[in-house]
Amino acid sequence: LKFKNGEGIEFEIVFRKPDKRTWGEDCDGVCFEPSGDKSKIYINPWRTDQTHLNTIIHETTHAYFWDKSEKEVTAFANTLSRILYNDLKWRIREDT
């Protein structure tokens, strides 16, 4: 999965657990600050669908709004993921 943020920097979303030595055992995701014209977001693949949704929203928000605090990004991601998952019943589709 790849996307470009508002500044044209390409991000790649990789489903791989962030390194626990750096990010801790319970880290669900991390967005690396852009260096040059590319960056990566790691998402822990061993979590639930709801946590994947929340983490993708959270880390993508960092990619677009690097200057926002962790508190602001977390509040936004929690709100949007709750609306999508609980209220609108968003789920991952298994297309065959």
PDB file of N, CA and C in Angstrom:
ATOM      1  N   LEU A   1       0.849  -1.182   0.000  1.00  0.00           N
ATOM      2  CA  LEU A   1       0.000   0.000   0.000  1.00  0.00           C
ATOM      3  C   LEU A   1       0.888   1.236   0.000  1.00  0.00           C
ATOM      4  N   LYS A   2       0.622   2.133  -0.915  1.00  0.00           N
ATOM      5  CA  LYS A   2       1.396   3.372  -1.005  1.00  0.00           C
ATOM      6  C   LYS A   2       0.455   4.543  -1.202  1.00  0.00           C
ATOM      7  N   PHE A   3       0.868   5.689  -0.692  1.00  0.00           N
ATOM      8  CA  PHE A   3       0.126   6.935  -0.905  1.00  0.00           C
ATOM      9  C   PHE A   3       1.097   8.086  -0.804  1.00  0.00           C
ATOM     10  N   LYS A   4       0.679   9.240  -1.306  1.00  0.00           N
ATOM     11  CA  LYS A   4       1.471  10.465  -1.169  1.00  0.00           C
ATOM     12  C   LYS A   4       0.709  11.419  -0.271  1.00  0.00           C
ATOM     13  N   ASN A   5       1.448  12.062   0.640  1.00  0.00           N
ATOM     14  CA  ASN A   5       0.804  13.042   1.520  1.00  0.00           C
ATOM     15  C   ASN A   5       0.643  14.368   0.787  1.00  0.00           C
ATOM     16  N   GLY A   6       0.166  15.377   1.487  1.00  0.00           N
ATOM     17  CA  GLY A   6      -0.107  16.670   0.882  1.00  0.00           C
ATOM     18  C   GLY A   6       1.109  17.381   0.329  1.00  0.00           C
ATOM     19  N   GLU A   7       2.299  16.963   0.760  1.00  0.00           N
ATOM     20  CA  GLU A   7       3.536  17.559   0.257  1.00  0.00           C
ATOM     21  C   GLU A   7       4.165  16.722  -0.845  1.00  0.00           C
ATOM     22  N   GLY A   8       3.453  15.667  -1.268  1.00  0.00           N
ATOM     23  CA  GLY A   8       3.951  14.827  -2.347  1.00  0.00           C
ATOM     24  C   GLY A   8       4.955  13.774  -1.922  1.00  0.00           C
ATOM     25  N   ILE A   9       5.131  13.587  -0.624  1.00  0.00           N
ATOM     26  CA  ILE A   9       6.062  12.566  -0.125  1.00  0.00           C
ATOM     27  C   ILE A   9       5.345  11.223  -0.110  1.00  0.00           C
ATOM     28  N   GLU A  10       5.981  10.230  -0.703  1.00  0.00           N
ATOM     29  CA  GLU A  10       5.385   8.905  -0.782  1.00  0.00           C
ATOM     30  C   GLU A  10       5.618   8.124   0.508  1.00  0.00           C
ATOM     31  N   PHE A  11       4.552   7.512   0.995  1.00  0.00           N
ATOM     32  CA  PHE A  11       4.621   6.639   2.168  1.00  0.00           C
ATOM     33  C   PHE A  11       4.198   5.246   1.735  1.00  0.00           C
ATOM     34  N   GLU A  12       4.866   4.262   2.285  1.00  0.00           N
ATOM     35  CA  GLU A  12       4.491   2.866   2.067  1.00  0.00           C
ATOM     36  C   GLU A  12       4.036   2.293   3.397  1.00  0.00           C
ATOM     37  N   ILE A  13       2.858   1.644   3.409  1.00  0.00           N
ATOM     38  CA  ILE A  13       2.359   0.979   4.605  1.00  0.00           C
ATOM     39  C   ILE A  13       2.789  -0.477   4.525  1.00  0.00           C
ATOM     40  N   VAL A  14       3.518  -0.909   5.556  1.00  0.00           N
ATOM     41  CA  VAL A  14       4.051  -2.264   5.612  1.00  0.00           C
ATOM     42  C   VAL A  14       3.476  -2.941   6.856  1.00  0.00           C
ATOM     43  N   PHE A  15       2.872  -4.113   6.661  1.00  0.00           N
ATOM     44  CA  PHE A  15       2.354  -4.865   7.797  1.00  0.00           C
ATOM     45  C   PHE A  15       3.490  -5.699   8.382  1.00  0.00           C
ATOM     46  N   ARG A  16       4.195  -5.069   9.313  1.00  0.00           N
ATOM     47  CA  ARG A  16       5.328  -5.678  10.013  1.00  0.00           C
ATOM     48  C   ARG A  16       5.401  -5.058  11.391  1.00  0.00           C
ATOM     49  N   LYS A  17       5.588  -5.880  12.387  1.00  0.00           N
ATOM     50  CA  LYS A  17       5.636  -5.382  13.761  1.00  0.00           C
ATOM     51  C   LYS A  17       6.817  -4.430  13.930  1.00  0.00           C
ATOM     52  N   PRO A  18       6.557  -3.232  14.477  1.00  0.00           N
ATOM     53  CA  PRO A  18       7.668  -2.317  14.756  1.00  0.00           C
ATOM     54  C   PRO A  18       8.652  -2.949  15.742  1.00  0.00           C
ATOM     55  N   ASP A  19       9.916  -2.637  15.601  1.00  0.00           N
ATOM     56  CA  ASP A  19      10.978  -3.207  16.428  1.00  0.00           C
ATOM     57  C   ASP A  19      10.735  -2.915  17.908  1.00  0.00           C
ATOM     58  N   LYS A  20      10.546  -3.968  18.698  1.00  0.00           N
ATOM     59  CA  LYS A  20      10.229  -3.793  20.117  1.00  0.00           C
ATOM     60  C   LYS A  20      11.387  -3.190  20.893  1.00  0.00           C
ATOM     61  N   ARG A  21      12.616  -3.318  20.400  1.00  0.00           N
ATOM     62  CA  ARG A  21      13.764  -2.727  21.099  1.00  0.00           C
ATOM     63  C   ARG A  21      13.698  -1.202  21.081  1.00  0.00           C
ATOM     64  N   THR A  22      13.115  -0.663  20.029  1.00  0.00           N
ATOM     65  CA  THR A  22      12.993   0.791  19.899  1.00  0.00           C
ATOM     66  C   THR A  22      11.627   1.294  20.340  1.00  0.00           C
ATOM     67  N   TRP A  23      10.567   0.580  19.945  1.00  0.00           N
ATOM     68  CA  TRP A  23       9.206   1.076  20.106  1.00  0.00           C
ATOM     69  C   TRP A  23       8.428   0.409  21.230  1.00  0.00           C
ATOM     70  N   GLY A  24       8.994  -0.617  21.847  1.00  0.00           N
ATOM     71  CA  GLY A  24       8.304  -1.301  22.938  1.00  0.00           C
ATOM     72  C   GLY A  24       7.511  -2.497  22.443  1.00  0.00           C
ATOM     73  N   GLU A  25       7.197  -3.371  23.351  1.00  0.00           N
ATOM     74  CA  GLU A  25       6.510  -4.626  23.034  1.00  0.00           C
ATOM     75  C   GLU A  25       5.100  -4.414  22.498  1.00  0.00           C
ATOM     76  N   ASP A  26       4.395  -3.394  22.998  1.00  0.00           N
ATOM     77  CA  ASP A  26       2.987  -3.206  22.661  1.00  0.00           C
ATOM     78  C   ASP A  26       2.733  -2.196  21.552  1.00  0.00           C
ATOM     79  N   CYS A  27       3.747  -1.837  20.796  1.00  0.00           N
ATOM     80  CA  CYS A  27       3.579  -0.842  19.731  1.00  0.00           C
ATOM     81  C   CYS A  27       2.741  -1.412  18.589  1.00  0.00           C
ATOM     82  N   ASP A  28       1.678  -0.704  18.223  1.00  0.00           N
ATOM     83  CA  ASP A  28       0.806  -1.137  17.129  1.00  0.00           C
ATOM     84  C   ASP A  28       1.247  -0.586  15.780  1.00  0.00           C
ATOM     85  N   GLY A  29       1.951   0.547  15.780  1.00  0.00           N
ATOM     86  CA  GLY A  29       2.380   1.128  14.515  1.00  0.00           C
ATOM     87  C   GLY A  29       3.329   2.286  14.727  1.00  0.00           C
ATOM     88  N   VAL A  30       4.018   2.627  13.659  1.00  0.00           N
ATOM     89  CA  VAL A  30       4.935   3.761  13.707  1.00  0.00           C
ATOM     90  C   VAL A  30       5.023   4.372  12.308  1.00  0.00           C
ATOM     91  N   CYS A  31       5.071   5.700  12.277  1.00  0.00           N
ATOM     92  CA  CYS A  31       5.247   6.443  11.034  1.00  0.00           C
ATOM     93  C   CYS A  31       6.615   7.115  11.100  1.00  0.00           C
ATOM     94  N   PHE A  32       7.457   6.789  10.147  1.00  0.00           N
ATOM     95  CA  PHE A  32       8.789   7.373  10.130  1.00  0.00           C
ATOM     96  C   PHE A  32       8.766   8.717   9.429  1.00  0.00           C
ATOM     97  N   GLU A  33       9.437   9.671  10.048  1.00  0.00           N
ATOM     98  CA  GLU A  33       9.523  11.012   9.480  1.00  0.00           C
ATOM     99  C   GLU A  33      10.124  10.927   8.083  1.00  0.00           C
ATOM    100  N   PRO A  34       9.540  11.647   7.153  1.00  0.00           N
ATOM    101  CA  PRO A  34      10.044  11.574   5.781  1.00  0.00           C
ATOM    102  C   PRO A  34      11.504  12.010   5.684  1.00  0.00           C
ATOM    103  N   SER A  35      12.265  11.225   4.955  1.00  0.00           N
ATOM    104  CA  SER A  35      13.632  11.625   4.624  1.00  0.00           C
ATOM    105  C   SER A  35      13.727  11.544   3.104  1.00  0.00           C
ATOM    106  N   GLY A  36      13.922  12.666   2.505  1.00  0.00           N
ATOM    107  CA  GLY A  36      13.890  12.703   1.047  1.00  0.00           C
ATOM    108  C   GLY A  36      12.456  12.687   0.568  1.00  0.00           C
ATOM    109  N   ASP A  37      12.178  11.815  -0.386  1.00  0.00           N
ATOM    110  CA  ASP A  37      10.832  11.785  -0.948  1.00  0.00           C
ATOM    111  C   ASP A  37      10.074  10.499  -0.603  1.00  0.00           C
ATOM    112  N   LYS A  38      10.583   9.705   0.370  1.00  0.00           N
ATOM    113  CA  LYS A  38       9.919   8.458   0.745  1.00  0.00           C
ATOM    114  C   LYS A  38       9.963   8.251   2.251  1.00  0.00           C
ATOM    115  N   SER A  39       8.988   7.501   2.727  1.00  0.00           N
ATOM    116  CA  SER A  39       8.978   7.106   4.126  1.00  0.00           C
ATOM    117  C   SER A  39       8.117   5.856   4.270  1.00  0.00           C
ATOM    118  N   LYS A  40       8.175   5.249   5.457  1.00  0.00           N
ATOM    119  CA  LYS A  40       7.415   4.021   5.710  1.00  0.00           C
ATOM    120  C   LYS A  40       6.578   4.152   6.962  1.00  0.00           C
ATOM    121  N   ILE A  41       5.485   3.393   6.947  1.00  0.00           N
ATOM    122  CA  ILE A  41       4.631   3.222   8.122  1.00  0.00           C
ATOM    123  C   ILE A  41       4.575   1.720   8.381  1.00  0.00           C
ATOM    124  N   TYR A  42       4.897   1.320   9.611  1.00  0.00           N
ATOM    125  CA  TYR A  42       4.795  -0.089   9.986  1.00  0.00           C
ATOM    126  C   TYR A  42       3.551  -0.286  10.834  1.00  0.00           C
ATOM    127  N   ILE A  43       2.795  -1.339  10.508  1.00  0.00           N
ATOM    128  CA  ILE A  43       1.582  -1.708  11.229  1.00  0.00           C
ATOM    129  C   ILE A  43       1.759  -3.130  11.744  1.00  0.00           C
ATOM    130  N   ASN A  44       1.531  -3.346  13.027  1.00  0.00           N
ATOM    131  CA  ASN A  44       1.646  -4.676  13.617  1.00  0.00           C
ATOM    132  C   ASN A  44       0.567  -5.592  13.015  1.00  0.00           C
ATOM    133  N   PRO A  45       0.964  -6.645  12.294  1.00  0.00           N
ATOM    134  CA  PRO A  45      -0.025  -7.510  11.640  1.00  0.00           C
ATOM    135  C   PRO A  45      -0.749  -8.446  12.595  1.00  0.00           C
ATOM    136  N   TRP A  46      -0.323  -8.520  13.833  1.00  0.00           N
ATOM    137  CA  TRP A  46      -0.867  -9.491  14.788  1.00  0.00           C
ATOM    138  C   TRP A  46      -1.960  -8.897  15.655  1.00  0.00           C
ATOM    139  N   ARG A  47      -2.566  -7.823  15.229  1.00  0.00           N
ATOM    140  CA  ARG A  47      -3.630  -7.179  15.991  1.00  0.00           C
ATOM    141  C   ARG A  47      -4.990  -7.430  15.334  1.00  0.00           C
ATOM    142  N   THR A  48      -6.045  -6.956  15.984  1.00  0.00           N
ATOM    143  CA  THR A  48      -7.407  -7.145  15.482  1.00  0.00           C
ATOM    144  C   THR A  48      -7.695  -6.194  14.323  1.00  0.00           C
ATOM    145  N   ASP A  49      -8.776  -6.475  13.585  1.00  0.00           N
ATOM    146  CA  ASP A  49      -9.196  -5.579  12.501  1.00  0.00           C
ATOM    147  C   ASP A  49      -9.434  -4.164  13.014  1.00  0.00           C
ATOM    148  N   GLN A  50     -10.060  -4.049  14.173  1.00  0.00           N
ATOM    149  CA  GLN A  50     -10.350  -2.724  14.723  1.00  0.00           C
ATOM    150  C   GLN A  50      -9.057  -1.986  15.062  1.00  0.00           C
ATOM    151  N   THR A  51      -8.086  -2.684  15.611  1.00  0.00           N
ATOM    152  CA  THR A  51      -6.805  -2.050  15.921  1.00  0.00           C
ATOM    153  C   THR A  51      -6.063  -1.686  14.645  1.00  0.00           C
ATOM    154  N   HIS A  52      -6.134  -2.534  13.614  1.00  0.00           N
ATOM    155  CA  HIS A  52      -5.522  -2.182  12.325  1.00  0.00           C
ATOM    156  C   HIS A  52      -6.120  -0.885  11.796  1.00  0.00           C
ATOM    157  N   LEU A  53      -7.442  -0.786  11.811  1.00  0.00           N
ATOM    158  CA  LEU A  53      -8.107   0.423  11.322  1.00  0.00           C
ATOM    159  C   LEU A  53      -7.641   1.640  12.102  1.00  0.00           C
ATOM    160  N   ASN A  54      -7.664   1.556  13.421  1.00  0.00           N
ATOM    161  CA  ASN A  54      -7.257   2.677  14.261  1.00  0.00           C
ATOM    162  C   ASN A  54      -5.799   3.059  13.995  1.00  0.00           C
ATOM    163  N   THR A  55      -4.942   2.066  13.892  1.00  0.00           N
ATOM    164  CA  THR A  55      -3.513   2.336  13.709  1.00  0.00           C
ATOM    165  C   THR A  55      -3.223   2.924  12.335  1.00  0.00           C
ATOM    166  N   ILE A  56      -3.895   2.431  11.305  1.00  0.00           N
ATOM    167  CA  ILE A  56      -3.703   3.002   9.964  1.00  0.00           C
ATOM    168  C   ILE A  56      -4.152   4.460   9.939  1.00  0.00           C
ATOM    169  N   ILE A  57      -5.294   4.752  10.547  1.00  0.00           N
ATOM    170  CA  ILE A  57      -5.755   6.148  10.623  1.00  0.00           C
ATOM    171  C   ILE A  57      -4.746   6.987  11.394  1.00  0.00           C
ATOM    172  N   HIS A  58      -4.301   6.487  12.526  1.00  0.00           N
ATOM    173  CA  HIS A  58      -3.364   7.208  13.390  1.00  0.00           C
ATOM    174  C   HIS A  58      -2.056   7.529  12.653  1.00  0.00           C
ATOM    175  N   GLU A  59      -1.445   6.508  12.076  1.00  0.00           N
ATOM    176  CA  GLU A  59      -0.138   6.715  11.438  1.00  0.00           C
ATOM    177  C   GLU A  59      -0.251   7.510  10.141  1.00  0.00           C
ATOM    178  N   THR A  60      -1.341   7.350   9.402  1.00  0.00           N
ATOM    179  CA  THR A  60      -1.545   8.152   8.198  1.00  0.00           C
ATOM    180  C   THR A  60      -1.755   9.615   8.561  1.00  0.00           C
ATOM    181  N   THR A  61      -2.425   9.857   9.668  1.00  0.00           N
ATOM    182  CA  THR A  61      -2.602  11.236  10.146  1.00  0.00           C
ATOM    183  C   THR A  61      -1.245  11.869  10.433  1.00  0.00           C
ATOM    184  N   HIS A  62      -0.334  11.111  11.061  1.00  0.00           N
ATOM    185  CA  HIS A  62       1.028  11.629  11.268  1.00  0.00           C
ATOM    186  C   HIS A  62       1.678  11.993   9.935  1.00  0.00           C
ATOM    187  N   ALA A  63       1.487  11.155   8.920  1.00  0.00           N
ATOM    188  CA  ALA A  63       2.112  11.408   7.615  1.00  0.00           C
ATOM    189  C   ALA A  63       1.630  12.729   7.003  1.00  0.00           C
ATOM    190  N   TYR A  64       0.374  13.070   7.236  1.00  0.00           N
ATOM    191  CA  TYR A  64      -0.181  14.315   6.688  1.00  0.00           C
ATOM    192  C   TYR A  64       0.032  15.520   7.604  1.00  0.00           C
ATOM    193  N   PHE A  65       0.024  15.283   8.894  1.00  0.00           N
ATOM    194  CA  PHE A  65       0.078  16.385   9.865  1.00  0.00           C
ATOM    195  C   PHE A  65       1.170  16.110  10.890  1.00  0.00           C
ATOM    196  N   TRP A  66       2.425  16.143  10.410  1.00  0.00           N
ATOM    197  CA  TRP A  66       3.580  15.805  11.231  1.00  0.00           C
ATOM    198  C   TRP A  66       3.709  16.710  12.458  1.00  0.00           C
ATOM    199  N   ASP A  67       3.180  17.913  12.380  1.00  0.00           N
ATOM    200  CA  ASP A  67       3.315  18.887  13.460  1.00  0.00           C
ATOM    201  C   ASP A  67       2.300  18.690  14.587  1.00  0.00           C
ATOM    202  N   LYS A  68       1.306  17.849  14.397  1.00  0.00           N
ATOM    203  CA  LYS A  68       0.286  17.631  15.432  1.00  0.00           C
ATOM    204  C   LYS A  68       0.849  16.760  16.548  1.00  0.00           C
ATOM    205  N   SER A  69       0.370  17.002  17.751  1.00  0.00           N
ATOM    206  CA  SER A  69       0.864  16.247  18.915  1.00  0.00           C
ATOM    207  C   SER A  69       0.315  14.820  18.898  1.00  0.00           C
ATOM    208  N   GLU A  70       0.964  13.948  19.629  1.00  0.00           N
ATOM    209  CA  GLU A  70       0.498  12.568  19.762  1.00  0.00           C
ATOM    210  C   GLU A  70      -0.902  12.536  20.359  1.00  0.00           C
ATOM    211  N   LYS A  71      -1.175  13.430  21.279  1.00  0.00           N
ATOM    212  CA  LYS A  71      -2.495  13.499  21.911  1.00  0.00           C
ATOM    213  C   LYS A  71      -3.577  13.845  20.878  1.00  0.00           C
ATOM    214  N   GLU A  72      -3.304  14.833  20.025  1.00  0.00           N
ATOM    215  CA  GLU A  72      -4.271  15.233  18.994  1.00  0.00           C
ATOM    216  C   GLU A  72      -4.499  14.119  17.976  1.00  0.00           C
ATOM    217  N   VAL A  73      -3.413  13.487  17.534  1.00  0.00           N
ATOM    218  CA  VAL A  73      -3.515  12.407  16.549  1.00  0.00           C
ATOM    219  C   VAL A  73      -4.274  11.221  17.135  1.00  0.00           C
ATOM    220  N   THR A  74      -3.986  10.882  18.381  1.00  0.00           N
ATOM    221  CA  THR A  74      -4.674   9.765  19.031  1.00  0.00           C
ATOM    222  C   THR A  74      -6.163  10.046  19.173  1.00  0.00           C
ATOM    223  N   ALA A  75      -6.522  11.246  19.585  1.00  0.00           N
ATOM    224  CA  ALA A  75      -7.942  11.598  19.731  1.00  0.00           C
ATOM    225  C   ALA A  75      -8.665  11.505  18.394  1.00  0.00           C
ATOM    226  N   PHE A  76      -8.042  12.022  17.342  1.00  0.00           N
ATOM    227  CA  PHE A  76      -8.646  11.960  16.005  1.00  0.00           C
ATOM    228  C   PHE A  76      -8.822  10.515  15.543  1.00  0.00           C
ATOM    229  N   ALA A  77      -7.758   9.712  15.638  1.00  0.00           N
ATOM    230  CA  ALA A  77      -7.810   8.321  15.184  1.00  0.00           C
ATOM    231  C   ALA A  77      -8.830   7.516  15.975  1.00  0.00           C
ATOM    232  N   ASN A  78      -8.878   7.723  17.281  1.00  0.00           N
ATOM    233  CA  ASN A  78      -9.845   6.995  18.106  1.00  0.00           C
ATOM    234  C   ASN A  78     -11.280   7.347  17.716  1.00  0.00           C
ATOM    235  N   THR A  79     -11.533   8.618  17.491  1.00  0.00           N
ATOM    236  CA  THR A  79     -12.876   9.060  17.109  1.00  0.00           C
ATOM    237  C   THR A  79     -13.277   8.492  15.753  1.00  0.00           C
ATOM    238  N   LEU A  80     -12.415   8.665  14.743  1.00  0.00           N
ATOM    239  CA  LEU A  80     -12.757   8.210  13.398  1.00  0.00           C
ATOM    240  C   LEU A  80     -12.877   6.690  13.333  1.00  0.00           C
ATOM    241  N   SER A  81     -11.987   5.970  13.972  1.00  0.00           N
ATOM    242  CA  SER A  81     -12.068   4.507  13.917  1.00  0.00           C
ATOM    243  C   SER A  81     -13.306   3.987  14.639  1.00  0.00           C
ATOM    244  N   ARG A  82     -13.696   4.638  15.727  1.00  0.00           N
ATOM    245  CA  ARG A  82     -14.933   4.243  16.421  1.00  0.00           C
ATOM    246  C   ARG A  82     -16.151   4.448  15.525  1.00  0.00           C
ATOM    247  N   ILE A  83     -16.206   5.590  14.835  1.00  0.00           N
ATOM    248  CA  ILE A  83     -17.325   5.869  13.927  1.00  0.00           C
ATOM    249  C   ILE A  83     -17.366   4.816  12.811  1.00  0.00           C
ATOM    250  N   LEU A  84     -16.235   4.577  12.179  1.00  0.00           N
ATOM    251  CA  LEU A  84     -16.198   3.633  11.057  1.00  0.00           C
ATOM    252  C   LEU A  84     -16.456   2.196  11.500  1.00  0.00           C
ATOM    253  N   TYR A  85     -15.854   1.774  12.585  1.00  0.00           N
ATOM    254  CA  TYR A  85     -15.944   0.373  12.996  1.00  0.00           C
ATOM    255  C   TYR A  85     -17.228   0.077  13.761  1.00  0.00           C
ATOM    256  N   ASN A  86     -17.536   0.893  14.751  1.00  0.00           N
ATOM    257  CA  ASN A  86     -18.701   0.609  15.592  1.00  0.00           C
ATOM    258  C   ASN A  86     -20.015   1.095  14.988  1.00  0.00           C
ATOM    259  N   ASP A  87     -20.039   2.311  14.499  1.00  0.00           N
ATOM    260  CA  ASP A  87     -21.287   2.891  14.001  1.00  0.00           C
ATOM    261  C   ASP A  87     -21.604   2.457  12.569  1.00  0.00           C
ATOM    262  N   LEU A  88     -20.597   2.459  11.706  1.00  0.00           N
ATOM    263  CA  LEU A  88     -20.822   2.110  10.305  1.00  0.00           C
ATOM    264  C   LEU A  88     -20.490   0.646   9.996  1.00  0.00           C
ATOM    265  N   LYS A  89     -20.008  -0.065  10.986  1.00  0.00           N
ATOM    266  CA  LYS A  89     -19.714  -1.510  10.868  1.00  0.00           C
ATOM    267  C   LYS A  89     -18.678  -1.825   9.788  1.00  0.00           C
ATOM    268  N   TRP A  90     -17.630  -0.983   9.688  1.00  0.00           N
ATOM    269  CA  TRP A  90     -16.552  -1.236   8.747  1.00  0.00           C
ATOM    270  C   TRP A  90     -15.852  -2.542   9.118  1.00  0.00           C
ATOM    271  N   ARG A  91     -15.540  -3.339   8.105  1.00  0.00           N
ATOM    272  CA  ARG A  91     -14.793  -4.582   8.304  1.00  0.00           C
ATOM    273  C   ARG A  91     -13.899  -4.813   7.097  1.00  0.00           C
ATOM    274  N   ILE A  92     -12.813  -5.546   7.306  1.00  0.00           N
ATOM    275  CA  ILE A  92     -11.932  -5.931   6.207  1.00  0.00           C
ATOM    276  C   ILE A  92     -12.650  -6.998   5.387  1.00  0.00           C
ATOM    277  N   ARG A  93     -12.676  -6.785   4.083  1.00  0.00           N
ATOM    278  CA  ARG A  93     -13.282  -7.767   3.176  1.00  0.00           C
ATOM    279  C   ARG A  93     -12.224  -8.725   2.675  1.00  0.00           C
ATOM    280  N   GLU A  94     -12.579  -9.950   2.633  1.00  0.00           N
ATOM    281  CA  GLU A  94     -11.690 -10.968   2.073  1.00  0.00           C
ATOM    282  C   GLU A  94     -12.136 -11.244   0.645  1.00  0.00           C
ATOM    283  N   ASP A  95     -11.628 -10.451  -0.318  1.00  0.00           N
ATOM    284  CA  ASP A  95     -11.983 -10.653  -1.720  1.00  0.00           C
ATOM    285  C   ASP A  95     -11.220 -11.852  -2.272  1.00  0.00           C
ATOM    286  N   THR A  96     -11.921 -12.666  -3.008  1.00  0.00           N
ATOM    287  CA  THR A  96     -11.264 -13.838  -3.613  1.00  0.00           C
ATOM    288  C   THR A  96     -11.259 -13.721  -5.117  1.00  0.00           C
TER     289      THR A  96
END
